Amino acid sequence: MSQAQPKYVKVINGCAETILIYIWYRKTPKPTRRRRTKYILRPGKVTPPLPWNRLVGGKGFESWRTKECITVDELPDEDRFAQIVNISEEPLSIEVAPETEARKREKTTVTVAPRERSRTLDLTSVTEPGRLNQLIQEKKILLKPHYEIGPTTGRRGAVASYVGESVYICYECGGPIIFRGSPPRPVHI
């Protein structure tokens, strides 16, 4: 049930020519939301943070990886997003107050039923982190990190990245969101 945490990297093109970096996704029987599948990396440019395990299986990985002019820099890990798994026999409530520029900080409560999981939450928005740690020590909850969310893209307001897309915090629920479509619509991860 545990999944290994992928390392996040930035790919830097030091070559004179443009290269294509493909992202690997597992094929699903149902059509999924539109995702970015490749990056066109011009000379001297850098990709946003990308999970290494998504690059390894991508088309043409060996061709660009073996070039000496391509640099791959590893980024530091950050376990900021997780699901709360309630392993007790009683419902638990956790207060979160997302900090956003769009609105003033408002509290909301996340209730997790017995033997269920919460949606993915930004752990920095939990108003009582001491209580969260106490529930972990009492073996009432487990934290299941969301490893697909990595370091920030550096764009204004973005707190993290999701396979190259900027991740923001929903000001209503404290969960991670990305924007897709035209006009942009928030999509909870």
N, C-alpha and C. Protein backbone atom coordinates (compact mmCIF):
# COMPACT_ATOMS: atom_id res chain seq x y z
N MET A 1 0.82 -1.20 0.00
CA MET A 1 0.00 0.00 0.00
C MET A 1 0.86 1.26 0.00
N SER A 2 2.06 1.17 0.53
CA SER A 2 2.89 2.36 0.53
C SER A 2 3.50 2.57 -0.84
N GLN A 3 3.70 3.79 -1.18
CA GLN A 3 4.26 4.11 -2.47
C GLN A 3 5.54 4.90 -2.22
N ALA A 4 6.56 4.62 -3.01
CA ALA A 4 7.83 5.31 -2.83
C ALA A 4 7.71 6.75 -3.31
N GLN A 5 8.38 7.63 -2.62
CA GLN A 5 8.33 9.03 -2.98
C GLN A 5 9.24 9.30 -4.17
N PRO A 6 8.69 9.83 -5.26
CA PRO A 6 9.55 10.12 -6.40
C PRO A 6 10.37 11.37 -6.13
N LYS A 7 11.59 11.38 -6.61
CA LYS A 7 12.37 12.61 -6.48
C LYS A 7 11.96 13.56 -7.59
N TYR A 8 12.06 14.84 -7.32
CA TYR A 8 11.73 15.86 -8.30
C TYR A 8 13.00 16.46 -8.87
N VAL A 9 12.97 16.74 -10.17
CA VAL A 9 14.15 17.24 -10.86
C VAL A 9 13.76 18.39 -11.79
N LYS A 10 14.78 19.17 -12.15
CA LYS A 10 14.67 20.16 -13.22
C LYS A 10 15.66 19.75 -14.29
N VAL A 11 15.22 19.76 -15.53
CA VAL A 11 16.09 19.41 -16.65
C VAL A 11 16.52 20.72 -17.31
N ILE A 12 17.85 20.88 -17.49
CA ILE A 12 18.42 22.10 -18.07
C ILE A 12 19.04 21.74 -19.42
N ASN A 13 18.62 22.46 -20.46
CA ASN A 13 19.14 22.21 -21.80
C ASN A 13 20.35 23.11 -22.06
N GLY A 14 21.54 22.52 -22.04
CA GLY A 14 22.77 23.24 -22.36
C GLY A 14 23.22 22.99 -23.78
N CYS A 15 22.41 22.29 -24.56
CA CYS A 15 22.74 21.96 -25.95
C CYS A 15 22.41 23.13 -26.87
N ALA A 16 22.90 23.04 -28.10
CA ALA A 16 22.62 24.07 -29.10
C ALA A 16 21.27 23.85 -29.79
N GLU A 17 20.72 22.62 -29.67
CA GLU A 17 19.45 22.33 -30.34
C GLU A 17 18.32 22.16 -29.31
N THR A 18 17.11 22.26 -29.81
CA THR A 18 15.91 22.07 -28.98
C THR A 18 15.69 20.58 -28.77
N ILE A 19 15.29 20.19 -27.55
CA ILE A 19 14.99 18.78 -27.28
C ILE A 19 13.55 18.65 -26.80
N LEU A 20 13.00 17.46 -26.94
CA LEU A 20 11.65 17.16 -26.47
C LEU A 20 11.76 16.25 -25.25
N ILE A 21 11.05 16.61 -24.19
CA ILE A 21 10.99 15.80 -22.98
C ILE A 21 9.56 15.30 -22.86
N TYR A 22 9.39 13.99 -22.91
CA TYR A 22 8.06 13.39 -22.82
C TYR A 22 7.79 12.90 -21.40
N ILE A 23 6.55 13.07 -20.96
CA ILE A 23 6.10 12.61 -19.65
C ILE A 23 5.37 11.29 -19.84
N TRP A 24 5.69 10.31 -19.01
CA TRP A 24 5.06 9.00 -19.08
C TRP A 24 3.84 8.96 -18.17
N TYR A 25 2.72 8.48 -18.71
CA TYR A 25 1.50 8.24 -17.93
C TYR A 25 1.03 6.82 -18.18
N ARG A 26 0.50 6.18 -17.16
CA ARG A 26 -0.10 4.85 -17.33
C ARG A 26 -1.37 5.02 -18.13
N LYS A 27 -1.55 4.17 -19.13
CA LYS A 27 -2.75 4.24 -19.96
C LYS A 27 -3.94 3.70 -19.18
N THR A 28 -5.05 4.41 -19.25
CA THR A 28 -6.26 4.01 -18.56
C THR A 28 -7.34 3.72 -19.60
N PRO A 29 -8.29 2.82 -19.26
CA PRO A 29 -9.35 2.51 -20.23
C PRO A 29 -10.29 3.69 -20.49
N LYS A 30 -10.49 4.53 -19.47
CA LYS A 30 -11.36 5.69 -19.64
C LYS A 30 -10.50 6.90 -20.01
N PRO A 31 -11.04 7.80 -20.83
CA PRO A 31 -10.28 9.02 -21.13
C PRO A 31 -10.14 9.86 -19.86
N THR A 32 -8.96 10.42 -19.65
CA THR A 32 -8.71 11.23 -18.46
C THR A 32 -8.69 12.70 -18.84
N ARG A 33 -8.61 13.55 -17.81
CA ARG A 33 -8.52 14.99 -18.07
C ARG A 33 -7.29 15.28 -18.92
N ARG A 34 -7.34 16.33 -19.63
CA ARG A 34 -6.22 16.70 -20.49
C ARG A 34 -5.00 17.00 -19.63
N ARG A 35 -3.88 16.32 -19.95
CA ARG A 35 -2.64 16.51 -19.22
C ARG A 35 -1.54 16.87 -20.21
N ARG A 36 -0.56 17.54 -19.69
CA ARG A 36 0.59 17.86 -20.52
C ARG A 36 1.45 16.62 -20.68
N THR A 37 1.81 16.27 -21.91
CA THR A 37 2.56 15.05 -22.15
C THR A 37 3.98 15.30 -22.63
N LYS A 38 4.31 16.54 -23.03
CA LYS A 38 5.67 16.81 -23.46
C LYS A 38 6.04 18.26 -23.21
N TYR A 39 7.35 18.49 -23.11
CA TYR A 39 7.92 19.83 -22.97
C TYR A 39 8.90 20.05 -24.11
N ILE A 40 8.80 21.19 -24.75
CA ILE A 40 9.75 21.58 -25.78
C ILE A 40 10.78 22.45 -25.07
N LEU A 41 11.99 21.93 -24.96
CA LEU A 41 13.03 22.60 -24.18
C LEU A 41 14.06 23.22 -25.13
N ARG A 42 13.98 24.53 -25.27
CA ARG A 42 14.89 25.26 -26.15
C ARG A 42 16.26 25.42 -25.47
N PRO A 43 17.29 25.76 -26.23
CA PRO A 43 18.63 25.91 -25.64
C PRO A 43 18.64 26.93 -24.50
N GLY A 44 19.27 26.54 -23.39
CA GLY A 44 19.39 27.42 -22.23
C GLY A 44 18.16 27.48 -21.34
N LYS A 45 17.11 26.75 -21.66
CA LYS A 45 15.87 26.78 -20.87
C LYS A 45 15.84 25.64 -19.85
N VAL A 46 14.92 25.78 -18.87
CA VAL A 46 14.79 24.83 -17.76
C VAL A 46 13.33 24.40 -17.65
N THR A 47 13.09 23.12 -17.35
CA THR A 47 11.71 22.64 -17.14
C THR A 47 11.24 23.04 -15.75
N PRO A 48 9.93 23.06 -15.52
CA PRO A 48 9.45 23.20 -14.15
C PRO A 48 9.77 21.91 -13.38
N PRO A 49 9.57 21.87 -12.07
CA PRO A 49 9.84 20.63 -11.32
C PRO A 49 9.00 19.48 -11.87
N LEU A 50 9.67 18.36 -12.17
CA LEU A 50 9.00 17.18 -12.71
C LEU A 50 9.40 15.95 -11.92
N PRO A 51 8.46 15.01 -11.69
CA PRO A 51 8.82 13.78 -10.97
C PRO A 51 9.70 12.89 -11.86
N TRP A 52 10.82 12.47 -11.32
CA TRP A 52 11.79 11.67 -12.07
C TRP A 52 11.16 10.39 -12.61
N ASN A 53 10.28 9.75 -11.81
CA ASN A 53 9.68 8.49 -12.26
C ASN A 53 8.76 8.67 -13.47
N ARG A 54 8.29 9.90 -13.75
CA ARG A 54 7.48 10.16 -14.95
C ARG A 54 8.35 10.43 -16.17
N LEU A 55 9.62 10.78 -15.96
CA LEU A 55 10.52 11.03 -17.08
C LEU A 55 11.15 9.74 -17.58
N VAL A 56 11.46 8.82 -16.65
CA VAL A 56 12.19 7.59 -17.00
C VAL A 56 11.45 6.77 -18.05
N GLY A 57 10.14 6.67 -17.98
CA GLY A 57 9.40 5.86 -18.94
C GLY A 57 8.99 6.59 -20.20
N GLY A 58 9.31 7.89 -20.28
CA GLY A 58 8.85 8.69 -21.41
C GLY A 58 9.58 8.38 -22.71
N LYS A 59 8.92 8.68 -23.80
CA LYS A 59 9.46 8.46 -25.14
C LYS A 59 10.75 9.28 -25.31
N GLY A 60 11.78 8.65 -25.83
CA GLY A 60 13.04 9.33 -26.10
C GLY A 60 13.89 9.64 -24.88
N PHE A 61 13.58 9.02 -23.74
CA PHE A 61 14.32 9.30 -22.51
C PHE A 61 15.82 9.02 -22.67
N GLU A 62 16.15 7.87 -23.22
CA GLU A 62 17.57 7.49 -23.36
C GLU A 62 18.32 8.44 -24.29
N SER A 63 17.66 8.94 -25.32
CA SER A 63 18.35 9.81 -26.28
C SER A 63 18.76 11.14 -25.66
N TRP A 64 17.88 11.79 -24.88
CA TRP A 64 18.28 13.06 -24.28
C TRP A 64 19.07 12.87 -23.00
N ARG A 65 18.87 11.76 -22.30
CA ARG A 65 19.57 11.52 -21.03
C ARG A 65 21.06 11.26 -21.24
N THR A 66 21.43 10.66 -22.37
CA THR A 66 22.84 10.32 -22.63
C THR A 66 23.64 11.49 -23.18
N LYS A 67 22.99 12.60 -23.52
CA LYS A 67 23.72 13.77 -24.01
C LYS A 67 24.43 14.46 -22.85
N GLU A 68 25.67 14.85 -23.07
CA GLU A 68 26.45 15.49 -22.01
C GLU A 68 26.04 16.92 -21.75
N CYS A 69 25.37 17.55 -22.70
CA CYS A 69 24.98 18.95 -22.53
C CYS A 69 23.66 19.10 -21.76
N ILE A 70 23.01 18.01 -21.40
CA ILE A 70 21.77 18.04 -20.63
C ILE A 70 22.11 17.82 -19.16
N THR A 71 21.63 18.71 -18.29
CA THR A 71 21.87 18.60 -16.85
C THR A 71 20.55 18.32 -16.15
N VAL A 72 20.58 17.39 -15.19
CA VAL A 72 19.40 17.07 -14.39
C VAL A 72 19.73 17.42 -12.94
N ASP A 73 19.03 18.43 -12.37
CA ASP A 73 19.25 18.85 -10.99
C ASP A 73 18.14 18.32 -10.10
N GLU A 74 18.51 17.64 -9.02
CA GLU A 74 17.53 17.12 -8.08
C GLU A 74 17.08 18.24 -7.14
N LEU A 75 15.80 18.27 -6.83
CA LEU A 75 15.21 19.29 -5.96
C LEU A 75 14.92 18.71 -4.58
N PRO A 76 14.90 19.54 -3.54
CA PRO A 76 14.63 19.03 -2.19
C PRO A 76 13.19 18.53 -2.04
N ASP A 77 13.01 17.53 -1.17
CA ASP A 77 11.68 16.96 -0.92
C ASP A 77 10.88 17.87 -0.01
N GLU A 78 9.56 17.82 -0.17
CA GLU A 78 8.66 18.59 0.68
C GLU A 78 7.37 17.80 0.86
N ASP A 79 7.12 17.34 2.08
CA ASP A 79 5.90 16.58 2.37
C ASP A 79 4.85 17.51 2.96
N ARG A 80 4.27 18.33 2.13
CA ARG A 80 3.33 19.34 2.60
C ARG A 80 1.88 18.90 2.46
N PHE A 81 1.60 18.00 1.52
CA PHE A 81 0.23 17.59 1.24
C PHE A 81 0.03 16.13 1.61
N ALA A 82 -1.10 15.84 2.29
CA ALA A 82 -1.36 14.46 2.71
C ALA A 82 -2.86 14.27 2.93
N GLN A 83 -3.26 12.99 2.97
CA GLN A 83 -4.62 12.63 3.36
C GLN A 83 -4.55 12.14 4.81
N ILE A 84 -5.60 12.41 5.55
CA ILE A 84 -5.70 11.93 6.93
C ILE A 84 -6.56 10.67 6.90
N VAL A 85 -6.00 9.55 7.36
CA VAL A 85 -6.71 8.28 7.41
C VAL A 85 -7.13 8.04 8.85
N ASN A 86 -8.43 7.94 9.09
CA ASN A 86 -8.97 7.73 10.43
C ASN A 86 -8.99 6.22 10.71
N ILE A 87 -8.13 5.75 11.62
CA ILE A 87 -8.09 4.33 11.94
C ILE A 87 -8.79 4.04 13.27
N SER A 88 -9.44 5.04 13.83
CA SER A 88 -10.18 4.84 15.08
C SER A 88 -11.63 4.45 14.77
N GLU A 89 -12.40 4.23 15.80
CA GLU A 89 -13.81 3.84 15.65
C GLU A 89 -14.77 5.01 15.76
N GLU A 90 -14.25 6.22 15.90
CA GLU A 90 -15.11 7.40 16.05
C GLU A 90 -14.74 8.44 15.00
N PRO A 91 -15.70 9.26 14.57
CA PRO A 91 -15.39 10.31 13.61
C PRO A 91 -14.46 11.37 14.23
N LEU A 92 -13.55 11.88 13.44
CA LEU A 92 -12.63 12.90 13.93
C LEU A 92 -12.79 14.17 13.10
N SER A 93 -12.68 15.32 13.76
CA SER A 93 -12.77 16.61 13.07
C SER A 93 -11.45 17.36 13.21
N ILE A 94 -10.99 17.90 12.10
CA ILE A 94 -9.76 18.68 12.06
C ILE A 94 -10.11 20.05 11.50
N GLU A 95 -9.68 21.12 12.17
CA GLU A 95 -9.93 22.46 11.66
C GLU A 95 -8.78 22.89 10.77
N VAL A 96 -9.13 23.46 9.62
CA VAL A 96 -8.13 24.01 8.71
C VAL A 96 -8.49 25.45 8.40
N ALA A 97 -7.47 26.26 8.21
CA ALA A 97 -7.67 27.66 7.84
C ALA A 97 -6.66 28.00 6.75
N PRO A 98 -7.06 27.84 5.49
CA PRO A 98 -6.12 28.11 4.40
C PRO A 98 -5.70 29.57 4.36
N GLU A 99 -4.43 29.79 4.11
CA GLU A 99 -3.91 31.14 4.01
C GLU A 99 -3.78 31.47 2.54
N THR A 100 -4.60 32.39 2.06
CA THR A 100 -4.58 32.76 0.65
C THR A 100 -4.57 34.27 0.52
N GLU A 101 -4.16 34.73 -0.65
CA GLU A 101 -4.17 36.17 -0.92
C GLU A 101 -5.58 36.63 -1.29
N ALA A 102 -6.39 35.70 -1.82
CA ALA A 102 -7.71 36.08 -2.33
C ALA A 102 -8.70 36.46 -1.23
N ARG A 103 -8.59 35.81 -0.09
CA ARG A 103 -9.54 36.07 0.99
C ARG A 103 -8.84 36.09 2.32
N LYS A 104 -9.54 36.62 3.30
CA LYS A 104 -9.02 36.59 4.65
C LYS A 104 -9.10 35.16 5.17
N ARG A 105 -8.22 34.80 6.06
CA ARG A 105 -8.12 33.44 6.58
C ARG A 105 -9.41 33.06 7.32
N GLU A 106 -10.13 32.06 6.82
CA GLU A 106 -11.36 31.58 7.43
C GLU A 106 -11.21 30.12 7.80
N LYS A 107 -11.75 29.72 8.94
CA LYS A 107 -11.66 28.33 9.38
C LYS A 107 -12.76 27.49 8.75
N THR A 108 -12.42 26.25 8.49
CA THR A 108 -13.39 25.26 8.05
C THR A 108 -13.03 23.94 8.73
N THR A 109 -13.98 23.06 8.87
CA THR A 109 -13.74 21.79 9.56
C THR A 109 -13.81 20.64 8.57
N VAL A 110 -12.83 19.76 8.67
CA VAL A 110 -12.79 18.55 7.87
C VAL A 110 -13.10 17.39 8.81
N THR A 111 -14.20 16.66 8.54
CA THR A 111 -14.58 15.52 9.36
C THR A 111 -14.27 14.24 8.60
N VAL A 112 -13.59 13.33 9.29
CA VAL A 112 -13.21 12.06 8.69
C VAL A 112 -13.94 10.94 9.43
N ALA A 113 -14.77 10.19 8.72
CA ALA A 113 -15.53 9.09 9.30
C ALA A 113 -14.60 7.95 9.69
N PRO A 114 -15.03 7.06 10.58
CA PRO A 114 -14.19 5.91 10.95
C PRO A 114 -13.82 5.06 9.74
N ARG A 115 -12.55 4.68 9.68
CA ARG A 115 -12.00 3.83 8.61
C ARG A 115 -12.07 4.48 7.23
N GLU A 116 -12.11 5.80 7.18
CA GLU A 116 -12.16 6.55 5.92
C GLU A 116 -10.96 7.49 5.82
N ARG A 117 -10.81 8.13 4.63
CA ARG A 117 -9.74 9.09 4.38
C ARG A 117 -10.34 10.45 4.08
N SER A 118 -9.59 11.48 4.42
CA SER A 118 -10.00 12.83 4.04
C SER A 118 -9.53 13.10 2.61
N ARG A 119 -9.97 14.20 2.07
CA ARG A 119 -9.40 14.65 0.80
C ARG A 119 -7.96 15.09 1.08
N THR A 120 -7.19 15.33 0.05
CA THR A 120 -5.82 15.79 0.24
C THR A 120 -5.85 17.20 0.82
N LEU A 121 -5.06 17.40 1.88
CA LEU A 121 -5.02 18.69 2.58
C LEU A 121 -3.61 19.26 2.60
N ASP A 122 -3.54 20.58 2.67
CA ASP A 122 -2.28 21.27 2.91
C ASP A 122 -2.05 21.24 4.42
N LEU A 123 -1.04 20.50 4.87
CA LEU A 123 -0.83 20.33 6.31
C LEU A 123 -0.44 21.63 7.01
N THR A 124 0.05 22.62 6.25
CA THR A 124 0.38 23.90 6.88
C THR A 124 -0.88 24.70 7.22
N SER A 125 -2.04 24.31 6.68
CA SER A 125 -3.28 25.03 6.98
C SER A 125 -4.02 24.44 8.19
N VAL A 126 -3.51 23.35 8.78
CA VAL A 126 -4.14 22.78 9.97
C VAL A 126 -3.94 23.76 11.12
N THR A 127 -5.02 24.17 11.78
CA THR A 127 -4.92 25.20 12.82
C THR A 127 -4.31 24.68 14.12
N GLU A 128 -4.42 23.39 14.40
CA GLU A 128 -3.86 22.81 15.62
C GLU A 128 -2.92 21.65 15.26
N PRO A 129 -1.69 21.96 14.81
CA PRO A 129 -0.77 20.88 14.44
C PRO A 129 -0.39 20.00 15.62
N GLY A 130 -0.41 20.56 16.84
CA GLY A 130 -0.11 19.76 18.04
C GLY A 130 -1.15 18.67 18.25
N ARG A 131 -2.42 18.99 18.01
CA ARG A 131 -3.48 17.99 18.14
C ARG A 131 -3.33 16.91 17.08
N LEU A 132 -2.94 17.30 15.88
CA LEU A 132 -2.71 16.34 14.81
C LEU A 132 -1.60 15.37 15.20
N ASN A 133 -0.50 15.89 15.73
CA ASN A 133 0.61 15.03 16.19
C ASN A 133 0.17 14.12 17.33
N GLN A 134 -0.68 14.62 18.24
CA GLN A 134 -1.18 13.82 19.36
C GLN A 134 -2.04 12.65 18.84
N LEU A 135 -2.89 12.92 17.84
CA LEU A 135 -3.72 11.86 17.26
C LEU A 135 -2.87 10.80 16.57
N ILE A 136 -1.75 11.21 15.97
CA ILE A 136 -0.83 10.24 15.35
C ILE A 136 -0.19 9.38 16.42
N GLN A 137 0.26 9.99 17.52
CA GLN A 137 0.90 9.24 18.60
C GLN A 137 -0.06 8.29 19.29
N GLU A 138 -1.33 8.68 19.40
CA GLU A 138 -2.35 7.83 20.01
C GLU A 138 -2.85 6.76 19.05
N LYS A 139 -2.29 6.72 17.84
CA LYS A 139 -2.65 5.75 16.79
C LYS A 139 -4.14 5.81 16.43
N LYS A 140 -4.64 7.05 16.33
CA LYS A 140 -6.02 7.25 15.89
C LYS A 140 -6.08 7.63 14.41
N ILE A 141 -4.99 8.23 13.92
CA ILE A 141 -4.93 8.59 12.51
C ILE A 141 -3.57 8.23 11.92
N LEU A 142 -3.55 8.14 10.60
CA LEU A 142 -2.32 7.99 9.82
C LEU A 142 -2.29 9.11 8.79
N LEU A 143 -1.10 9.54 8.42
CA LEU A 143 -0.97 10.51 7.33
C LEU A 143 -0.47 9.77 6.10
N LYS A 144 -1.17 9.94 4.98
CA LYS A 144 -0.76 9.32 3.71
C LYS A 144 -0.35 10.45 2.78
N PRO A 145 0.98 10.69 2.65
CA PRO A 145 1.45 11.81 1.82
C PRO A 145 1.04 11.66 0.36
N HIS A 146 0.80 12.79 -0.29
CA HIS A 146 0.48 12.84 -1.71
C HIS A 146 1.77 13.17 -2.44
N TYR A 147 2.47 12.12 -2.89
CA TYR A 147 3.81 12.28 -3.46
C TYR A 147 3.83 12.88 -4.86
N GLU A 148 2.71 12.93 -5.54
CA GLU A 148 2.70 13.51 -6.88
C GLU A 148 2.79 15.03 -6.85
N ILE A 149 2.57 15.63 -5.68
CA ILE A 149 2.67 17.08 -5.55
C ILE A 149 4.07 17.39 -5.05
N GLY A 150 4.81 18.17 -5.83
CA GLY A 150 6.21 18.43 -5.52
C GLY A 150 6.52 19.89 -5.27
N PRO A 151 7.80 20.25 -5.43
CA PRO A 151 8.25 21.63 -5.16
C PRO A 151 7.53 22.65 -6.05
N THR A 152 7.52 23.89 -5.61
CA THR A 152 6.81 24.95 -6.30
C THR A 152 7.42 25.27 -7.66
N THR A 153 6.58 25.74 -8.57
CA THR A 153 7.03 26.17 -9.90
C THR A 153 7.61 27.58 -9.83
N GLY A 154 7.36 28.30 -8.75
CA GLY A 154 7.87 29.66 -8.60
C GLY A 154 6.94 30.72 -9.16
N ARG A 155 5.82 30.32 -9.74
CA ARG A 155 4.87 31.30 -10.26
C ARG A 155 4.16 31.99 -9.11
N ARG A 156 3.70 33.20 -9.33
CA ARG A 156 3.07 33.98 -8.27
C ARG A 156 1.86 33.25 -7.70
N GLY A 157 1.86 33.05 -6.40
CA GLY A 157 0.75 32.40 -5.72
C GLY A 157 0.83 30.89 -5.67
N ALA A 158 1.68 30.27 -6.49
CA ALA A 158 1.80 28.81 -6.51
C ALA A 158 2.58 28.34 -5.29
N VAL A 159 2.07 27.29 -4.64
CA VAL A 159 2.75 26.75 -3.46
C VAL A 159 3.44 25.43 -3.75
N ALA A 160 3.12 24.82 -4.90
CA ALA A 160 3.70 23.52 -5.25
C ALA A 160 3.52 23.30 -6.74
N SER A 161 3.87 22.08 -7.20
CA SER A 161 3.66 21.72 -8.60
C SER A 161 3.10 20.31 -8.68
N TYR A 162 2.34 20.05 -9.74
CA TYR A 162 1.76 18.74 -10.00
C TYR A 162 2.11 18.36 -11.42
N VAL A 163 3.17 17.60 -11.58
CA VAL A 163 3.71 17.19 -12.88
C VAL A 163 3.83 18.41 -13.81
N GLY A 164 4.51 19.46 -13.32
CA GLY A 164 4.78 20.65 -14.11
C GLY A 164 3.74 21.74 -14.05
N GLU A 165 2.55 21.46 -13.49
CA GLU A 165 1.51 22.48 -13.39
C GLU A 165 1.57 23.13 -12.01
N SER A 166 1.24 24.40 -11.95
CA SER A 166 1.26 25.13 -10.69
C SER A 166 0.10 24.70 -9.79
N VAL A 167 0.39 24.50 -8.51
CA VAL A 167 -0.62 24.11 -7.53
C VAL A 167 -0.89 25.29 -6.61
N TYR A 168 -2.17 25.56 -6.38
CA TYR A 168 -2.60 26.63 -5.50
C TYR A 168 -3.44 26.03 -4.38
N ILE A 169 -3.79 26.82 -3.39
CA ILE A 169 -4.61 26.35 -2.28
C ILE A 169 -6.03 26.88 -2.44
N CYS A 170 -7.01 26.00 -2.32
CA CYS A 170 -8.42 26.39 -2.38
C CYS A 170 -8.74 27.16 -1.10
N TYR A 171 -9.30 28.36 -1.24
CA TYR A 171 -9.57 29.16 -0.05
C TYR A 171 -10.83 28.72 0.70
N GLU A 172 -11.57 27.76 0.15
CA GLU A 172 -12.75 27.26 0.85
C GLU A 172 -12.45 26.01 1.67
N CYS A 173 -11.62 25.09 1.12
CA CYS A 173 -11.41 23.82 1.81
C CYS A 173 -9.96 23.56 2.23
N GLY A 174 -9.02 24.36 1.76
CA GLY A 174 -7.63 24.16 2.13
C GLY A 174 -6.92 23.09 1.34
N GLY A 175 -7.56 22.54 0.32
CA GLY A 175 -6.97 21.48 -0.49
C GLY A 175 -6.21 22.04 -1.69
N PRO A 176 -5.37 21.22 -2.32
CA PRO A 176 -4.62 21.67 -3.49
C PRO A 176 -5.48 21.68 -4.75
N ILE A 177 -5.32 22.72 -5.57
CA ILE A 177 -6.05 22.84 -6.82
C ILE A 177 -5.09 23.25 -7.93
N ILE A 178 -5.46 22.90 -9.16
CA ILE A 178 -4.78 23.39 -10.35
C ILE A 178 -5.86 23.99 -11.25
N PHE A 179 -5.45 24.82 -12.19
CA PHE A 179 -6.41 25.44 -13.09
C PHE A 179 -6.26 24.85 -14.48
N ARG A 180 -7.40 24.43 -15.07
CA ARG A 180 -7.41 23.85 -16.41
C ARG A 180 -8.56 24.46 -17.21
N GLY A 181 -8.39 24.41 -18.51
CA GLY A 181 -9.46 24.85 -19.41
C GLY A 181 -9.36 26.31 -19.76
N SER A 182 -10.32 26.74 -20.61
CA SER A 182 -10.40 28.11 -20.99
C SER A 182 -11.87 28.52 -20.99
N PRO A 183 -12.31 29.38 -20.14
CA PRO A 183 -11.57 30.08 -19.10
C PRO A 183 -11.11 29.10 -18.01
N PRO A 184 -10.04 29.46 -17.30
CA PRO A 184 -9.48 28.53 -16.30
C PRO A 184 -10.48 28.19 -15.19
N ARG A 185 -10.61 26.88 -14.92
CA ARG A 185 -11.49 26.40 -13.85
C ARG A 185 -10.64 25.66 -12.83
N PRO A 186 -10.92 25.83 -11.54
CA PRO A 186 -10.15 25.10 -10.53
C PRO A 186 -10.52 23.64 -10.52
N VAL A 187 -9.51 22.77 -10.43
CA VAL A 187 -9.69 21.32 -10.35
C VAL A 187 -8.99 20.85 -9.09
N HIS A 188 -9.74 20.23 -8.16
CA HIS A 188 -9.12 19.70 -6.95
C HIS A 188 -8.33 18.46 -7.29
N ILE A 189 -7.14 18.35 -6.71
CA ILE A 189 -6.29 17.18 -6.95
C ILE A 189 -6.65 16.11 -5.96
